[in-house]
Structure formats: structure tokens, C-alpha cells
Amino acid sequence: MNLLYLIWLSRNDAVFEGSDINYNNLKIKILNTIKDIAPLSTYCMFNNSFELSILVSLGVPTKARPAPKVQGCRWPLPWFEEAKINSDGSAIGNPGKADFGAVARGHYGEVLVLSLKV
């Protein structure tokens, strides 16, 4: 349930029904709603430490995003009088925009051929 909807319902009860707003019950409903929807944002939050401390004070369980794994890679030169061809491509959507590129390098690492399809 939307938090603003909860507040709107309480306000309408006060205005149209003439009842008093029970702020403690409203606060409990809002906190329960926050706790219910918090697990839906697993690994989707990019909050700073201040914002995370607010969530913790509300009683929302937080879980840190795992650190990205950084791996090194090497590109060895091709053998004497040989060429090495490297290629890569990417696409956005299916079907969608796609790009492709390839490069051929000689045994000194010099670029022999470069091909891009954008």
C-alpha cells in the first residue's frame, strides 16, 4: 500500500468523518509498510551511510551490496609475423541498437586493421 495513500485515508477520516487522527496508529501502519516493502529493494539501493542509518532507525533490515569483483587480464602479443584479431559487440534490447568492433594487431602491438559498425 502506498504511504501517501495511508496518510490520505487518515486525513479523509478526520475531515469527512469528523474523527481525530490517531498519529500513533498511523505511524505504526507507515513503519509496517516500510518494513514490508524493504525486501523488494534487495541489491537495488545506492544510499549513503546517512540514509542507511535512517532505515536502520526505522527498523528496516539492511544488507550491504556485495563489492564488485575486479579481475586483471593480460593481452599477450601474437607470435612473430602473426596477427591477433580481437572483437566485441553489444546490444540494447532485442531487437535494438547494436554495435560491433574488431581490431587486428601485429606482433609489435601495432594496429593493422580497425573495423567498427555503429
Protein backbone atom coordinates (compact mmCIF):
# COMPACT_ATOMS: atom_id res chain seq x y z
CA MET A 1 0.00 0.00 0.00
CA ASN A 2 1.29 3.45 -0.82
CA LEU A 3 2.44 5.58 2.13
CA LEU A 4 0.75 8.68 0.78
CA TYR A 5 -2.47 6.71 0.45
CA LEU A 6 -2.32 5.82 4.16
CA ILE A 7 -1.88 9.48 5.07
CA TRP A 8 -4.66 10.50 2.68
CA LEU A 9 -7.07 7.97 4.22
CA SER A 10 -6.33 9.27 7.71
CA ARG A 11 -6.84 12.84 6.58
CA ASN A 12 -10.15 11.98 4.88
CA ASP A 13 -11.38 10.24 8.03
CA ALA A 14 -10.59 13.38 10.01
CA VAL A 15 -12.15 15.79 7.50
CA PHE A 16 -15.25 13.88 6.36
CA GLU A 17 -15.99 11.60 9.30
CA GLY A 18 -15.05 14.11 11.98
CA SER A 19 -12.75 11.64 13.73
CA ASP A 20 -9.43 12.54 15.28
CA ILE A 21 -6.25 11.35 13.61
CA ASN A 22 -4.56 8.73 15.71
CA TYR A 23 -0.95 9.54 14.92
CA ASN A 24 0.41 6.50 16.76
CA ASN A 25 -1.69 4.10 14.67
CA LEU A 26 -0.74 5.99 11.50
CA LYS A 27 2.93 5.80 12.44
CA ILE A 28 2.66 2.05 13.09
CA LYS A 29 0.95 1.49 9.73
CA ILE A 30 3.62 3.51 7.90
CA LEU A 31 6.50 1.69 9.63
CA ASN A 32 4.92 -1.70 8.91
CA THR A 33 4.50 -0.73 5.26
CA ILE A 34 8.16 0.32 5.05
CA LYS A 35 9.27 -2.96 6.62
CA ASP A 36 7.05 -4.93 4.22
CA ILE A 37 8.36 -3.31 1.04
CA ALA A 38 12.04 -3.00 2.07
CA PRO A 39 12.98 -6.58 0.99
CA LEU A 40 11.82 -5.72 -2.55
CA SER A 41 14.80 -3.36 -2.90
CA THR A 42 17.45 -6.00 -2.23
CA TYR A 43 20.67 -5.06 -4.04
CA CYS A 44 18.92 -2.10 -5.68
CA MET A 45 19.77 0.66 -3.23
CA PHE A 46 22.62 3.12 -3.68
CA ASN A 47 22.12 5.00 -0.43
CA ASN A 48 24.81 6.76 1.54
CA SER A 49 25.56 5.91 5.17
CA PHE A 50 23.28 8.67 6.50
CA GLU A 51 20.25 7.37 4.57
CA LEU A 52 21.02 3.81 5.63
CA SER A 53 21.18 4.90 9.27
CA ILE A 54 17.65 6.32 8.89
CA LEU A 55 16.42 2.96 7.59
CA VAL A 56 18.11 1.15 10.47
CA SER A 57 16.49 3.51 12.99
CA LEU A 58 13.10 2.69 11.42
CA GLY A 59 13.83 -0.99 12.00
CA VAL A 60 14.24 -1.87 8.33
CA PRO A 61 16.82 -4.63 7.87
CA THR A 62 19.61 -3.52 5.56
CA LYS A 63 22.11 -5.60 3.68
CA ALA A 64 25.17 -4.13 2.04
CA ARG A 65 25.64 -4.60 -1.68
CA PRO A 66 28.46 -7.04 -2.41
CA ALA A 67 31.63 -5.39 -3.64
CA PRO A 68 32.29 -5.83 -7.36
CA LYS A 69 34.91 -8.40 -8.25
CA VAL A 70 37.84 -6.83 -10.06
CA GLN A 71 39.93 -9.18 -12.14
CA GLY A 72 43.06 -8.40 -14.03
CA CYS A 73 43.60 -9.52 -17.58
CA ARG A 74 46.55 -9.66 -19.94
CA TRP A 75 46.78 -9.34 -23.67
CA PRO A 76 49.89 -11.13 -24.90
CA LEU A 77 51.33 -10.09 -28.25
CA PRO A 78 50.91 -12.51 -31.16
CA TRP A 79 53.86 -14.60 -32.36
CA PHE A 80 56.35 -13.21 -34.87
CA GLU A 81 54.75 -12.46 -38.28
CA GLU A 82 51.28 -13.28 -36.97
CA ALA A 83 48.28 -11.06 -36.25
CA LYS A 84 45.78 -11.27 -33.44
CA ILE A 85 42.16 -10.26 -34.01
CA ASN A 86 40.02 -9.14 -31.07
CA SER A 87 36.32 -8.36 -31.39
CA ASP A 88 33.43 -7.33 -29.19
CA GLY A 89 29.84 -6.32 -29.55
CA SER A 90 26.93 -5.02 -27.54
CA ALA A 91 23.19 -4.62 -27.98
CA ILE A 92 20.44 -2.69 -26.25
CA GLY A 93 17.15 -4.57 -26.44
CA ASN A 94 16.13 -7.44 -28.66
CA PRO A 95 15.80 -6.25 -31.39
CA GLY A 96 17.51 -2.97 -30.70
CA LYS A 97 20.56 -0.85 -31.30
CA ALA A 98 23.74 -2.89 -31.67
CA ASP A 99 27.41 -2.06 -32.12
CA PHE A 100 30.36 -4.20 -33.14
CA GLY A 101 34.07 -3.61 -33.33
CA ALA A 102 37.20 -5.53 -34.24
CA VAL A 103 40.90 -4.77 -34.22
CA ALA A 104 43.83 -6.70 -35.71
CA ARG A 105 47.28 -6.16 -34.19
CA GLY A 106 50.68 -7.26 -35.35
CA HIS A 107 53.47 -8.88 -33.35
CA TYR A 108 54.77 -5.45 -32.17
CA GLY A 109 51.27 -4.48 -30.94
CA GLU A 110 50.66 -2.05 -33.82
CA VAL A 111 47.11 -1.72 -35.14
CA LEU A 112 46.84 -3.28 -38.60
CA VAL A 113 43.09 -3.07 -39.18
CA LEU A 114 40.31 -1.42 -37.19
CA SER A 115 36.66 -2.04 -38.00
CA LEU A 116 33.63 -0.50 -36.29
CA LYS A 117 29.96 -0.99 -37.07
CA VAL A 118 27.81 1.51 -35.20
